[in-house]
């Protein structure tokens, strides 16, 4: 923002854009600006507001969006109003979680590499009657590593669960190698519901499918159910399992310990997303569930605001 006199107008635009706060008695001066929510999330400024500064209006538009985005990136979900959470979910729809690549045992031919593929070279020479001049190499075939989200939707996670479900939807939309489960006192697979193209419809169906929203928490039973039904197949084995929970467990501690130990053996990595971790670099688990599960967790990350989810999405690609 380049001019001080634009600050009142900016505040009005901010309220309108994120909270749909339209006042019937807005002054004529403020009516010059019209905020519209579009698929690209930009604010349009009418042509008659152009000045001699050339592209200054474009800079102002970008300044509006950058400032607004930065405010919400750092605000914890449990401190947001319903209107702010709605605005955050619009921003979260742009997060794309790309699964990391894994190398398989299968070898494939390539035109670049270090190890010559003599079989491919000889075959191509025979096919071209000795006139083939291409050189082929061998490398391991690469595949996307599966990701499994196991989301805690119990009462203690009420401030975070729907936002984390939105994150899982974004991950599922970006790649079909993503499975999503919800649990409170029992585990429910919601992958199919989150496969819908319409995000509102997908979230509504997933919410209706999981019957134990904001109830009790049995993490050990949920993980044990996952292991028995899906853990031994392609869904669980070799995948990156992301458990989103605060660790406030009401189930049997022994069941949780045994389930987490078994999960750590079949999964490639176990990541625990705990909103209570916050921004601290020296997080020490305090809940009984987290203390029991910690020895079997590869990494504990936060998920308390938009910034932490964006950081997780970038970190996920590099997990080996």
Protein backbone atom coordinates (compact mmCIF):
# COMPACT_ATOMS: atom_id res chain seq x y z
CA UNK A 1 0.00 0.00 0.00
CA UNK A 2 1.57 3.26 -1.18
CA UNK A 3 -0.74 5.97 0.20
CA UNK A 4 -1.87 6.50 3.78
CA UNK A 5 -5.33 7.67 2.70
CA UNK A 6 -6.00 4.19 1.25
CA UNK A 7 -5.87 2.49 4.67
CA UNK A 8 -9.62 2.92 5.49
CA UNK A 9 -10.51 1.57 2.06
CA UNK A 10 -8.16 -1.36 2.53
CA UNK A 11 -9.80 -2.26 5.84
CA UNK A 12 -13.21 -2.21 4.19
CA UNK A 13 -12.03 -4.38 1.30
CA UNK A 14 -10.44 -6.83 3.74
CA UNK A 15 -13.69 -7.24 5.67
CA UNK A 16 -15.72 -7.69 2.49
CA UNK A 17 -13.37 -10.11 0.79
CA UNK A 18 -12.95 -12.55 3.66
CA UNK A 19 -16.12 -12.19 5.68
CA UNK A 20 -18.73 -11.15 3.10
CA UNK A 21 -19.36 -8.14 5.35
CA UNK A 22 -21.35 -5.84 3.05
CA UNK A 23 -22.79 -2.72 4.66
CA UNK A 24 -25.89 -1.23 3.04
CA UNK A 25 -24.76 2.29 3.99
CA UNK A 26 -21.26 2.20 2.54
CA UNK A 27 -20.01 5.65 1.51
CA UNK A 28 -19.72 6.55 -2.16
CA UNK A 29 -15.94 6.77 -1.88
CA UNK A 30 -15.69 3.14 -0.75
CA UNK A 31 -18.03 1.95 -3.47
CA UNK A 32 -15.27 2.56 -5.99
CA UNK A 33 -13.74 -0.76 -5.00
CA UNK A 34 -15.51 -4.08 -5.49
CA UNK A 35 -14.10 -7.28 -4.02
CA UNK A 36 -15.00 -10.49 -5.78
CA UNK A 37 -14.08 -14.02 -4.81
CA UNK A 38 -12.99 -15.93 -7.91
CA UNK A 39 -11.12 -19.13 -8.62
CA UNK A 40 -7.88 -17.18 -8.66
CA UNK A 41 -8.72 -15.25 -5.48
CA UNK A 42 -7.91 -11.77 -6.80
CA UNK A 43 -9.43 -8.39 -6.06
CA UNK A 44 -10.53 -6.49 -9.15
CA UNK A 45 -10.11 -2.72 -9.30
CA UNK A 46 -12.19 -0.72 -11.84
CA UNK A 47 -10.48 0.96 -14.77
CA UNK A 48 -11.39 4.48 -13.58
CA UNK A 49 -9.11 4.01 -10.59
CA UNK A 50 -6.01 3.86 -12.82
CA UNK A 51 -3.41 6.52 -12.03
CA UNK A 52 -0.30 7.94 -13.63
CA UNK A 53 1.78 5.44 -11.71
CA UNK A 54 1.09 2.83 -14.37
CA UNK A 55 1.09 -0.54 -12.66
CA UNK A 56 0.68 0.83 -9.13
CA UNK A 57 -2.89 -0.50 -8.92
CA UNK A 58 -1.63 -3.98 -9.73
CA UNK A 59 0.91 -3.63 -6.93
CA UNK A 60 -1.86 -2.50 -4.59
CA UNK A 61 -3.96 -5.55 -5.45
CA UNK A 62 -1.08 -7.88 -4.73
CA UNK A 63 -0.39 -6.00 -1.50
CA UNK A 64 -3.97 -6.52 -0.35
CA UNK A 65 -3.78 -10.26 -0.97
CA UNK A 66 -0.29 -10.71 0.49
CA UNK A 67 -1.13 -8.85 3.70
CA UNK A 68 -4.42 -10.71 4.18
CA UNK A 69 -2.82 -14.08 3.51
CA UNK A 70 0.02 -13.41 5.95
CA UNK A 71 -2.40 -12.50 8.76
CA UNK A 72 -4.29 -15.78 8.44
CA UNK A 73 -1.22 -17.95 7.89
CA UNK A 74 -0.05 -17.36 11.46
CA UNK A 75 -3.38 -17.41 13.31
CA UNK A 76 -4.19 -20.63 15.17
CA UNK A 77 -7.38 -22.39 14.09
CA UNK A 78 -8.76 -22.46 17.62
CA UNK A 79 -8.53 -18.65 17.78
CA UNK A 80 -10.43 -18.05 14.53
CA UNK A 81 -14.06 -17.02 14.16
CA UNK A 82 -16.36 -19.09 11.91
CA UNK A 83 -15.99 -16.44 9.20
CA UNK A 84 -12.20 -16.58 9.46
CA UNK A 85 -12.23 -20.38 9.26
CA UNK A 86 -14.31 -20.18 6.09
CA UNK A 87 -11.75 -17.80 4.61
CA UNK A 88 -8.92 -20.12 5.66
CA UNK A 89 -10.50 -23.08 3.92
CA UNK A 90 -10.55 -21.09 0.69
CA UNK A 91 -6.81 -20.59 1.09
CA UNK A 92 -6.24 -24.23 2.05
CA UNK A 93 -7.84 -25.40 -1.18
CA UNK A 94 -4.69 -24.16 -2.95
CA UNK A 95 -2.40 -26.43 -0.92
CA UNK A 96 -1.19 -29.39 -2.96
CA UNK A 97 0.46 -32.31 -1.20
CA UNK A 98 2.63 -34.30 -3.58
CA UNK A 99 3.71 -37.73 -2.32
CA UNK A 100 7.45 -38.44 -2.38
CA UNK A 101 8.92 -40.73 -5.01
CA UNK A 102 10.10 -44.23 -4.19
CA UNK A 103 12.34 -46.46 -6.28
CA UNK A 104 11.11 -49.98 -7.00
CA UNK A 105 13.13 -53.13 -7.71
CA UNK A 106 11.97 -53.16 -11.31
CA UNK A 107 14.49 -51.86 -13.85
CA UNK A 108 13.53 -49.76 -16.87
CA UNK A 109 15.45 -48.51 -19.91
CA UNK A 110 16.38 -44.85 -20.17
CA UNK A 111 18.47 -42.67 -22.47
CA UNK A 112 20.38 -41.13 -19.57
CA UNK A 113 22.17 -42.86 -16.73
CA UNK A 114 25.35 -44.59 -15.61
CA UNK A 115 24.74 -48.32 -16.11
CA UNK A 116 24.49 -49.52 -19.72
CA UNK A 117 21.44 -51.60 -20.67
CA UNK A 118 23.17 -54.07 -22.97
CA UNK A 119 20.04 -56.15 -23.53
CA UNK A 120 18.14 -53.12 -24.81
CA UNK A 121 21.07 -51.98 -26.96
CA UNK A 122 21.48 -55.41 -28.62
CA UNK A 123 17.72 -55.76 -29.17
CA UNK A 124 17.46 -52.37 -30.85
CA UNK A 125 20.53 -53.10 -33.00
CA UNK A 126 19.00 -56.36 -34.21
CA UNK A 127 15.74 -54.60 -34.98
CA UNK A 128 17.58 -51.91 -36.98
CA UNK A 129 19.81 -54.48 -38.74
CA UNK A 130 22.91 -53.14 -37.06
CA UNK A 131 22.28 -49.50 -37.90
CA UNK A 132 20.96 -48.41 -34.51
CA UNK A 133 23.24 -45.87 -32.84
CA UNK A 134 21.22 -45.17 -29.69
CA UNK A 135 22.68 -45.94 -26.29
CA UNK A 136 20.38 -47.10 -23.50
CA UNK A 137 20.92 -47.19 -19.76
CA UNK A 138 19.21 -48.90 -16.84
CA UNK A 139 17.61 -47.31 -13.79
CA UNK A 140 15.11 -48.33 -11.14
CA UNK A 141 11.50 -47.52 -11.89
CA UNK A 142 10.01 -44.76 -9.75
CA UNK A 143 6.54 -44.69 -8.21
CA UNK A 144 4.63 -42.35 -5.95
CA UNK A 145 4.70 -43.46 -2.33
CA UNK A 146 1.18 -43.89 -0.84
CA UNK A 147 0.02 -41.53 1.90
CA UNK A 148 -2.50 -42.45 4.61
CA UNK A 149 -4.23 -39.81 6.74
CA UNK A 150 -5.78 -40.99 10.03
CA UNK A 151 -7.71 -38.01 11.43
CA UNK A 152 -8.87 -37.62 15.03
CA UNK A 153 -12.40 -36.11 15.01
CA UNK A 154 -13.06 -36.40 18.75
CA UNK A 155 -14.26 -33.56 20.96
CA UNK A 156 -10.77 -32.39 21.95
CA UNK A 157 -9.89 -31.94 18.26
CA UNK A 158 -13.07 -30.02 17.37
CA UNK A 159 -11.13 -26.79 16.67
CA UNK A 160 -8.86 -28.52 14.16
CA UNK A 161 -10.49 -31.65 12.70
CA UNK A 162 -12.47 -30.00 9.88
CA UNK A 163 -9.47 -28.00 8.73
CA UNK A 164 -7.31 -31.12 8.71
CA UNK A 165 -10.02 -32.90 6.74
CA UNK A 166 -9.79 -30.06 4.21
CA UNK A 167 -6.04 -30.70 4.01
CA UNK A 168 -6.68 -34.39 3.37
CA UNK A 169 -9.18 -33.47 0.64
CA UNK A 170 -6.57 -31.30 -1.06
CA UNK A 171 -4.09 -34.17 -0.89
CA UNK A 172 -6.62 -36.62 -2.33
CA UNK A 173 -7.51 -34.18 -5.12
CA UNK A 174 -3.85 -33.88 -6.11
CA UNK A 175 -3.10 -37.61 -6.14
CA UNK A 176 -5.05 -40.85 -6.05
CA UNK A 177 -2.36 -42.54 -3.93
CA UNK A 178 -3.93 -40.96 -0.83
CA UNK A 179 -6.21 -42.73 1.64
CA UNK A 180 -8.16 -40.91 4.36
CA UNK A 181 -9.65 -42.30 7.59
CA UNK A 182 -11.45 -40.59 10.47
CA UNK A 183 -11.77 -41.86 14.02
CA UNK A 184 -13.20 -41.01 17.39
CA UNK A 185 -14.16 -44.23 19.08
CA UNK A 186 -14.11 -46.18 15.79
CA UNK A 187 -12.33 -45.94 12.44
CA UNK A 188 -14.17 -44.88 9.27
CA UNK A 189 -12.72 -44.84 5.74
CA UNK A 190 -13.80 -41.63 3.94
CA UNK A 191 -11.54 -41.83 0.88
CA UNK A 192 -14.38 -42.39 -1.55
CA UNK A 193 -16.36 -39.43 -0.24
CA UNK A 194 -13.34 -37.15 -0.57
CA UNK A 195 -12.89 -38.22 -4.19
CA UNK A 196 -15.76 -35.96 -5.29
CA UNK A 197 -14.75 -32.99 -7.43
CA UNK A 198 -17.03 -30.57 -5.61
CA UNK A 199 -15.21 -29.73 -2.34
CA UNK A 200 -18.37 -28.76 -0.43
CA UNK A 201 -20.11 -31.97 -1.43
CA UNK A 202 -17.02 -34.04 -0.61
CA UNK A 203 -16.68 -32.54 2.87
CA UNK A 204 -20.39 -32.96 3.56
CA UNK A 205 -20.37 -36.62 2.52
CA UNK A 206 -17.24 -37.37 4.55
CA UNK A 207 -18.71 -35.64 7.58
CA UNK A 208 -21.90 -37.67 7.32
CA UNK A 209 -20.01 -40.93 6.83
CA UNK A 210 -18.03 -40.56 10.06
CA UNK A 211 -20.65 -40.96 12.80
CA UNK A 212 -18.61 -40.17 15.92
CA UNK A 213 -17.74 -36.49 15.54
CA UNK A 214 -16.72 -34.70 18.75
CA UNK A 215 -17.08 -37.79 20.92
CA UNK A 216 -14.50 -39.90 22.75
CA UNK A 217 -11.06 -40.97 21.54
CA UNK A 218 -9.65 -44.47 21.15
CA UNK A 219 -6.46 -44.08 19.15
CA UNK A 220 -5.16 -47.59 19.78
CA UNK A 221 -8.40 -49.23 18.65
CA UNK A 222 -8.47 -47.06 15.51
CA UNK A 223 -4.89 -47.93 14.54
CA UNK A 224 -5.53 -51.60 15.30
CA UNK A 225 -8.59 -51.60 13.02
CA UNK A 226 -6.55 -49.99 10.25
CA UNK A 227 -3.86 -52.65 10.59
CA UNK A 228 -6.34 -55.53 10.46
CA UNK A 229 -8.41 -54.27 7.50
CA UNK A 230 -5.98 -52.26 5.37
CA UNK A 231 -2.50 -52.45 6.87
CA UNK A 232 -1.26 -55.60 5.18
CA UNK A 233 -2.26 -54.60 1.65
CA UNK A 234 -1.17 -51.85 -0.71
CA UNK A 235 -2.84 -49.18 1.41
CA UNK A 236 -0.68 -49.54 4.49
CA UNK A 237 2.53 -51.37 3.64
CA UNK A 238 5.32 -49.03 2.62
CA UNK A 239 3.15 -45.92 2.96
CA UNK A 240 3.65 -42.67 4.86
CA UNK A 241 1.06 -42.69 7.65
CA UNK A 242 0.04 -39.28 9.00
CA UNK A 243 -1.88 -39.45 12.29
CA UNK A 244 -3.55 -36.14 13.12
CA UNK A 245 -4.40 -36.10 16.83
CA UNK A 246 -3.68 -34.31 20.11
CA UNK A 247 -2.96 -37.65 21.77
CA UNK A 248 -5.71 -37.34 24.39
CA UNK A 249 -6.63 -41.02 24.40
CA UNK A 250 -9.30 -42.73 26.48
CA UNK A 251 -8.54 -46.22 25.27
CA UNK A 252 -6.33 -48.99 26.61
CA UNK A 253 -2.65 -47.86 26.78
CA UNK A 254 -1.38 -51.37 26.01
CA UNK A 255 -3.52 -51.54 22.85
CA UNK A 256 -2.11 -48.19 21.71
CA UNK A 257 1.49 -49.27 22.32
CA UNK A 258 1.10 -52.59 20.47
CA UNK A 259 -0.78 -50.97 17.57
CA UNK A 260 1.80 -48.21 17.12
CA UNK A 261 4.65 -50.72 17.24
CA UNK A 262 2.98 -52.83 14.54
CA UNK A 263 2.26 -49.73 12.45
CA UNK A 264 5.89 -48.62 12.60
CA UNK A 265 6.96 -52.01 11.19
CA UNK A 266 4.76 -51.93 8.07
CA UNK A 267 4.75 -48.20 7.29
CA UNK A 268 7.63 -46.46 5.55
CA UNK A 269 7.32 -43.49 7.91
CA UNK A 270 4.93 -42.58 10.74
CA UNK A 271 4.30 -38.84 11.06
CA UNK A 272 2.21 -37.47 13.93
CA UNK A 273 0.54 -34.10 13.39
CA UNK A 274 -0.29 -32.60 16.79
CA UNK A 275 -1.80 -29.07 16.85
CA UNK A 276 -0.55 -28.60 20.43
CA UNK A 277 3.03 -28.71 19.21
CA UNK A 278 2.58 -25.16 17.91
CA UNK A 279 5.61 -23.29 16.61
CA UNK A 280 8.04 -24.54 19.25
CA UNK A 281 11.17 -26.40 18.18
CA UNK A 282 11.45 -28.21 21.51
CA UNK A 283 8.12 -29.96 21.85
CA UNK A 284 7.83 -32.38 24.77
CA UNK A 285 4.76 -34.69 24.73
CA UNK A 286 2.58 -34.34 27.81
CA UNK A 287 -0.56 -36.37 27.02
CA UNK A 288 -0.49 -40.09 27.82
CA UNK A 289 -1.29 -41.06 24.24
CA UNK A 290 1.64 -39.05 22.84
CA UNK A 291 4.04 -40.37 25.48
CA UNK A 292 3.12 -43.97 24.62
CA UNK A 293 3.22 -43.42 20.85
CA UNK A 294 6.39 -41.30 20.65
CA UNK A 295 8.93 -44.19 20.46
CA UNK A 296 7.23 -45.41 17.28
CA UNK A 297 6.92 -42.01 15.56
CA UNK A 298 9.47 -40.83 13.00
CA UNK A 299 8.51 -37.17 13.16
CA UNK A 300 6.11 -34.92 15.10
CA UNK A 301 4.81 -31.89 13.19
CA UNK A 302 2.29 -29.18 13.99
CA UNK A 303 -1.03 -28.48 12.30
CA UNK A 304 -2.40 -25.59 14.31
CA UNK A 305 -2.51 -22.94 11.56
CA UNK A 306 -2.25 -22.45 7.81
CA UNK A 307 1.48 -21.77 7.93
CA UNK A 308 2.21 -25.12 9.60
CA UNK A 309 0.13 -26.99 7.00
CA UNK A 310 1.96 -25.24 4.16
CA UNK A 311 5.29 -26.19 5.73
CA UNK A 312 4.14 -29.79 6.08
CA UNK A 313 3.11 -29.94 2.41
CA UNK A 314 6.59 -28.80 1.37
CA UNK A 315 8.34 -31.17 3.78
CA UNK A 316 6.29 -34.17 2.69
CA UNK A 317 7.92 -34.35 -0.75
CA UNK A 318 11.38 -34.76 0.77
CA UNK A 319 10.51 -37.57 3.22
CA UNK A 320 12.69 -40.57 2.42
